[in-house]
Each structure stands twice: as structure tokens, then as C-alpha cells.
């Protein structure tokens, strides 16, 4: 697929995806959502890709759904149903794919844009970044954020952020646990890339299985989850990375993982 609203580049096992419609603050529409989902699918299926970074071009990370398009829609109910369906596809893929996805939040993350960042496994933000759930400002029920936000900051704070549409800066987001770390703007991509490189050098299959177990832990009973852990531990024992890991441990050297 030839992309028009995103850019995707590869760099030593890392895919960097830029949301790239800065004139509208990288607002999500059907086209951008389709392209983002396709780029993520390519990353998911390419063994050479070990980690993914999503960031925004220009001053914003993502302004959420395209409000102008919402206002101009002749049938808002149909339009919003279709748009939310498109936006949910890349969000779902990020959450379920067995590769680590990192949000490098370079600026405003609003509404579905904030939810897109929250779906990622790790979030680093420029100190210039601002977060706002935004939906109440346009009289719209929230999407995605009602799933991710309470898990990150707790139900009470999530309710406040959603009901009041409060804007918080990156430092506040870090204190709440919404992001992993707030950094100076000129350090953002270096920080995200450093983390991605460390992950890319790690045992890819084990990392993917760890991501799956973390996701399953949110809804499974203890007995079910322990059974899932036993399964993941057992199949990991058959990998080259496990053999390399235990050998390197015994030899007191750094392991050289190959993701197999």
C-alpha cells in the first residue's frame, strides 16, 4: 500500500511510523486509520521488525477524530459508526500484536489520539505534550479511552479526566502513570529509539509472550492465568533464545538473542 497520511521507515529492526497530516494535527480519519493498521500489520508479519514506534509529524501527536468531517457529515450517526470502526482497527492491532509498540508523544494527544497512545505498550512524551480526552467538548461518548484510561490511572481519575475534559501536561501524565516518562522535546525520539533498540536486542518470542500474558492478566482468573503462564514457559523452553540465555548466564556473558 502507498501511504498518503502516514510515513513508515525501518531502522535496524525498528519500524518508525509518523502520523503525517500536520495541517490538521494528524487527526484520525478512515484513510489514516486504514494506513496505520496496514503498516502495523506489515510490522506484525515481518520477523525483521522487533519493535515499533508511533509518533506525530509537526506539533501534535494526534488530535483524535476529524471534528470538521464530523460536523460536515450528512448522516452523523452513520459517519461516526463507520469512523469509530476504522479507528478501532489499529488500536486493537496495537493491543493484541506480539510486538512492542511505543508511543513517542511529541505534542497534543486528544480524544482518540490519546487513546491511540494509551493502547501502546510504552509511552514517552515530550514535556510540550498535552493530553485531553476531549469527547465531552463536542458532546460525544468517548471511544477507546474508557477501556485503557481506568487501567492506567484508576477509575476515579479516569472519570474526572473524561467527564471534565481536563487537559494535563506531560509531567502530570507521568505522575498519574499515564505515560512512562516525560522528557525534553529534543530527547523524545532518542529516548523512544533507545528503548526500542534495547527491546530489539532482546528475546523477541519471550517478549511477545510476556505482552500476551500481561494482556490476558486483565481479565483472567488466577487459575486460568497460571495455566497460561505454564504454557508460555513450556513452549519458550524449546527456543534458541532460551538455550542461548541460560548458556550465557552460566558463562557469565551477555546473551546474543536471535528471536527464534
Protein backbone atom coordinates (compact mmCIF):
# COMPACT_ATOMS: atom_id res chain seq x y z
CA UNK A 1 0.00 0.00 0.00
CA UNK A 2 1.22 3.51 -0.87
CA UNK A 3 0.67 5.72 2.16
CA UNK A 4 -0.63 9.28 1.93
CA UNK A 5 -1.32 10.17 5.56
CA UNK A 6 1.48 8.31 7.33
CA UNK A 7 5.18 7.67 6.77
CA UNK A 8 6.87 4.42 7.75
CA UNK A 9 10.60 3.76 7.88
CA UNK A 10 12.74 0.83 9.02
CA UNK A 11 15.92 1.11 11.04
CA UNK A 12 17.80 -1.94 12.33
CA UNK A 13 14.82 -3.96 13.50
CA UNK A 14 12.71 -0.95 14.42
CA UNK A 15 9.78 0.47 12.45
CA UNK A 16 9.05 4.16 12.99
CA UNK A 17 5.58 5.27 11.93
CA UNK A 18 4.84 9.00 11.64
CA UNK A 19 1.23 10.17 11.57
CA UNK A 20 1.73 12.74 8.84
CA UNK A 21 -1.10 15.21 8.29
CA UNK A 22 0.26 18.09 10.39
CA UNK A 23 -2.13 20.64 8.87
CA UNK A 24 -5.00 19.05 10.83
CA UNK A 25 -2.85 17.96 13.79
CA UNK A 26 -2.73 14.36 12.46
CA UNK A 27 -6.45 13.89 13.04
CA UNK A 28 -7.61 10.33 12.53
CA UNK A 29 -9.90 9.65 9.61
CA UNK A 30 -10.73 6.46 7.74
CA UNK A 31 -7.72 6.77 5.42
CA UNK A 32 -5.15 7.35 8.17
CA UNK A 33 -6.65 4.56 10.27
CA UNK A 34 -6.55 2.15 7.33
CA UNK A 35 -2.96 3.05 6.53
CA UNK A 36 -1.85 2.84 10.14
CA UNK A 37 -3.47 -0.57 10.51
CA UNK A 38 -1.79 -1.76 7.31
CA UNK A 39 1.63 -0.52 8.48
CA UNK A 40 1.16 -2.27 11.81
CA UNK A 41 0.12 -5.48 10.05
CA UNK A 42 3.32 -5.36 7.98
CA UNK A 43 5.31 -4.97 11.20
CA UNK A 44 3.40 -7.81 12.83
CA UNK A 45 4.16 -10.19 9.96
CA UNK A 46 7.80 -9.18 9.37
CA UNK A 47 10.20 -11.15 11.57
CA UNK A 48 12.86 -8.49 10.97
CA UNK A 49 10.80 -5.93 12.87
CA UNK A 50 11.32 -6.26 16.61
CA UNK A 51 9.70 -3.05 17.90
CA UNK A 52 7.51 -0.25 16.60
CA UNK A 53 7.47 3.48 17.40
CA UNK A 54 4.46 5.67 16.61
CA UNK A 55 4.87 9.45 16.66
CA UNK A 56 3.36 12.51 15.02
CA UNK A 57 4.63 14.95 12.42
CA UNK A 58 4.56 18.62 13.31
CA UNK A 59 3.38 19.99 16.64
CA UNK A 60 0.80 17.33 17.50
CA UNK A 61 0.83 13.61 18.15
CA UNK A 62 -2.80 13.13 17.15
CA UNK A 63 -5.84 15.36 17.58
CA UNK A 64 -8.25 12.41 17.59
CA UNK A 65 -11.13 12.10 15.15
CA UNK A 66 -11.54 14.73 12.45
CA UNK A 67 -14.13 17.04 14.02
CA UNK A 68 -14.66 19.07 10.84
CA UNK A 69 -15.55 15.90 8.96
CA UNK A 70 -17.95 15.01 11.77
CA UNK A 71 -19.65 18.39 11.50
CA UNK A 72 -19.94 18.16 7.70
CA UNK A 73 -21.31 14.60 7.65
CA UNK A 74 -24.85 14.44 6.21
CA UNK A 75 -25.65 11.46 8.44
CA UNK A 76 -23.55 11.90 11.63
CA UNK A 77 -24.78 8.68 13.23
CA UNK A 78 -23.68 6.55 10.27
CA UNK A 79 -20.47 8.52 9.81
CA UNK A 80 -19.44 8.15 13.45
CA UNK A 81 -20.22 4.43 13.50
CA UNK A 82 -18.00 3.92 10.46
CA UNK A 83 -15.24 6.22 11.70
CA UNK A 84 -15.03 4.62 15.13
CA UNK A 85 -14.87 1.22 13.43
CA UNK A 86 -11.89 2.35 11.37
CA UNK A 87 -10.11 3.91 14.36
CA UNK A 88 -10.65 0.80 16.48
CA UNK A 89 -8.76 -1.41 13.99
CA UNK A 90 -5.23 -0.05 14.59
CA UNK A 91 -5.97 0.35 18.30
CA UNK A 92 -6.93 -3.32 18.52
CA UNK A 93 -3.92 -4.42 16.49
CA UNK A 94 -1.50 -2.48 18.71
CA UNK A 95 -3.02 -4.04 21.81
CA UNK A 96 -3.03 -7.63 20.54
CA UNK A 97 0.05 -7.94 18.30
CA UNK A 98 3.01 -9.76 19.87
CA UNK A 99 5.47 -6.95 19.26
CA UNK A 100 6.14 -3.99 21.50
CA UNK A 101 4.63 -0.72 20.29
CA UNK A 102 5.98 2.52 21.73
CA UNK A 103 4.18 5.88 21.58
CA UNK A 104 6.52 8.87 21.26
CA UNK A 105 4.02 11.61 22.09
CA UNK A 106 5.52 14.75 20.60
CA UNK A 107 2.59 17.12 21.14
CA UNK A 108 -1.15 17.23 21.76
CA UNK A 109 -2.83 13.83 22.16
CA UNK A 110 -6.59 14.39 22.21
CA UNK A 111 -9.60 12.09 22.22
CA UNK A 112 -8.94 9.04 20.07
CA UNK A 113 -5.37 10.30 19.71
CA UNK A 114 -4.88 9.96 23.45
CA UNK A 115 -6.48 6.51 23.30
CA UNK A 116 -4.11 5.53 20.48
CA UNK A 117 -1.17 6.38 22.73
CA UNK A 118 -2.76 4.52 25.65
CA UNK A 119 -3.13 1.37 23.54
CA UNK A 120 0.65 1.26 23.11
CA UNK A 121 2.77 -0.82 25.46
CA UNK A 122 5.07 2.03 26.43
CA UNK A 123 4.56 5.80 26.28
CA UNK A 124 7.20 8.52 26.32
CA UNK A 125 6.15 12.14 25.95
CA UNK A 126 7.75 15.47 25.21
CA UNK A 127 7.38 17.95 28.04
CA UNK A 128 5.47 20.02 25.46
CA UNK A 129 2.82 17.31 25.13
CA UNK A 130 -0.72 17.79 26.38
CA UNK A 131 -3.37 15.13 26.98
CA UNK A 132 -7.13 15.66 26.87
CA UNK A 133 -9.84 13.06 26.37
CA UNK A 134 -11.78 15.75 24.57
CA UNK A 135 -15.02 13.93 23.83
CA UNK A 136 -17.22 15.90 26.23
CA UNK A 137 -16.20 19.14 24.49
CA UNK A 138 -18.14 18.04 21.42
CA UNK A 139 -20.94 16.15 23.15
CA UNK A 140 -19.68 12.73 22.10
CA UNK A 141 -19.45 9.48 24.04
CA UNK A 142 -15.78 8.54 24.43
CA UNK A 143 -14.07 5.84 22.41
CA UNK A 144 -11.26 3.51 23.50
CA UNK A 145 -10.28 5.72 26.43
CA UNK A 146 -12.93 4.19 28.66
CA UNK A 147 -11.09 0.87 28.28
CA UNK A 148 -7.47 1.95 28.65
CA UNK A 149 -7.59 5.02 30.87
CA UNK A 150 -9.01 3.39 34.06
CA UNK A 151 -6.41 0.63 33.80
CA UNK A 152 -3.63 3.21 33.75
CA UNK A 153 -4.78 5.85 36.24
CA UNK A 154 -7.67 4.24 38.16
CA UNK A 155 -11.42 4.65 37.68
CA UNK A 156 -11.86 7.78 39.79
CA UNK A 157 -9.18 9.81 37.99
CA UNK A 158 -10.22 8.42 34.63
CA UNK A 159 -13.79 9.53 35.30
CA UNK A 160 -12.62 13.03 36.18
CA UNK A 161 -10.43 13.33 33.09
CA UNK A 162 -13.25 12.12 30.85
CA UNK A 163 -16.21 13.95 32.41
CA UNK A 164 -14.43 17.29 32.76
CA UNK A 165 -12.24 17.04 29.64
CA UNK A 166 -9.31 18.29 31.69
CA UNK A 167 -6.05 18.98 29.91
CA UNK A 168 -2.95 17.67 31.65
CA UNK A 169 0.68 18.19 30.74
CA UNK A 170 3.34 15.52 30.39
CA UNK A 171 4.66 15.90 33.94
CA UNK A 172 1.16 15.37 35.35
CA UNK A 173 0.64 12.44 33.00
CA UNK A 174 3.83 10.83 34.30
CA UNK A 175 2.78 11.28 37.93
CA UNK A 176 -0.58 9.66 37.16
CA UNK A 177 1.03 6.70 35.40
CA UNK A 178 -0.49 7.65 32.05
CA UNK A 179 2.99 7.72 30.48
CA UNK A 180 6.28 6.08 31.40
CA UNK A 181 8.37 9.23 31.26
CA UNK A 182 8.28 12.90 30.28
CA UNK A 183 11.43 14.10 28.53
CA UNK A 184 12.75 17.27 26.95
CA UNK A 185 11.41 17.71 23.39
CA UNK A 186 14.81 17.25 21.77
CA UNK A 187 15.31 13.98 23.68
CA UNK A 188 11.98 12.33 22.80
CA UNK A 189 12.90 10.30 19.74
CA UNK A 190 16.31 9.41 21.16
CA UNK A 191 14.59 8.10 24.29
CA UNK A 192 11.98 6.09 22.37
CA UNK A 193 14.60 4.76 19.96
CA UNK A 194 16.93 3.72 22.78
CA UNK A 195 14.14 1.72 24.41
CA UNK A 196 13.15 0.20 21.05
CA UNK A 197 16.76 -0.80 20.36
CA UNK A 198 17.06 -2.49 23.75
CA UNK A 199 13.86 -4.41 23.06
CA UNK A 200 15.05 -5.31 19.54
CA UNK A 201 18.15 -6.92 21.04
CA UNK A 202 16.06 -8.95 23.47
CA UNK A 203 14.43 -12.38 23.11
CA UNK A 204 11.61 -11.47 20.73
CA UNK A 205 9.44 -14.54 21.27
CA UNK A 206 9.66 -14.26 25.06
CA UNK A 207 8.87 -10.54 24.92
CA UNK A 208 5.85 -11.20 22.72
CA UNK A 209 4.63 -13.90 25.10
CA UNK A 210 5.14 -11.55 28.04
CA UNK A 211 2.99 -8.95 26.27
CA UNK A 212 0.28 -11.54 25.70
CA UNK A 213 0.35 -12.62 29.36
CA UNK A 214 0.11 -9.01 30.53
CA UNK A 215 -2.93 -8.53 28.31
CA UNK A 216 -4.58 -11.76 29.47
CA UNK A 217 -3.97 -10.86 33.12
CA UNK A 218 -6.51 -8.05 32.89
CA UNK A 219 -9.48 -10.37 32.56
CA UNK A 220 -8.45 -13.91 33.55
CA UNK A 221 -8.94 -15.67 36.87
CA UNK A 222 -5.81 -16.69 38.77
CA UNK A 223 -6.10 -20.38 37.88
CA UNK A 224 -6.59 -19.58 34.20
CA UNK A 225 -3.68 -17.19 34.21
CA UNK A 226 -1.30 -19.58 35.92
CA UNK A 227 -2.20 -22.18 33.29
CA UNK A 228 -1.42 -19.65 30.55
CA UNK A 229 1.90 -18.90 32.20
CA UNK A 230 2.78 -22.60 32.35
CA UNK A 231 2.04 -22.93 28.65
CA UNK A 232 4.13 -19.90 27.69
CA UNK A 233 7.02 -21.00 29.91
CA UNK A 234 6.91 -24.51 28.47
CA UNK A 235 6.98 -23.51 24.79
CA UNK A 236 9.68 -20.92 25.50
CA UNK A 237 11.90 -23.76 26.67
CA UNK A 238 12.09 -25.02 23.07
CA UNK A 239 13.50 -21.78 21.67
CA UNK A 240 17.05 -20.96 20.62
CA UNK A 241 16.85 -17.81 22.73
CA UNK A 242 16.21 -19.81 25.89
CA UNK A 243 19.18 -22.05 25.22
CA UNK A 244 21.34 -19.02 24.50
CA UNK A 245 20.07 -17.22 27.59
CA UNK A 246 20.85 -20.00 30.05
CA UNK A 247 24.19 -20.72 28.37
CA UNK A 248 25.18 -17.06 28.54
CA UNK A 249 24.13 -16.95 32.19
CA UNK A 250 26.32 -19.96 33.00
CA UNK A 251 29.22 -18.47 31.05
CA UNK A 252 28.75 -15.07 32.70
CA UNK A 253 28.42 -13.14 29.43
CA UNK A 254 25.77 -11.09 27.68
CA UNK A 255 23.33 -13.24 25.66
CA UNK A 256 23.05 -12.85 21.90
CA UNK A 257 19.37 -13.39 21.14
CA UNK A 258 18.12 -14.07 17.61
CA UNK A 259 14.35 -14.11 18.16
CA UNK A 260 13.94 -17.83 17.49
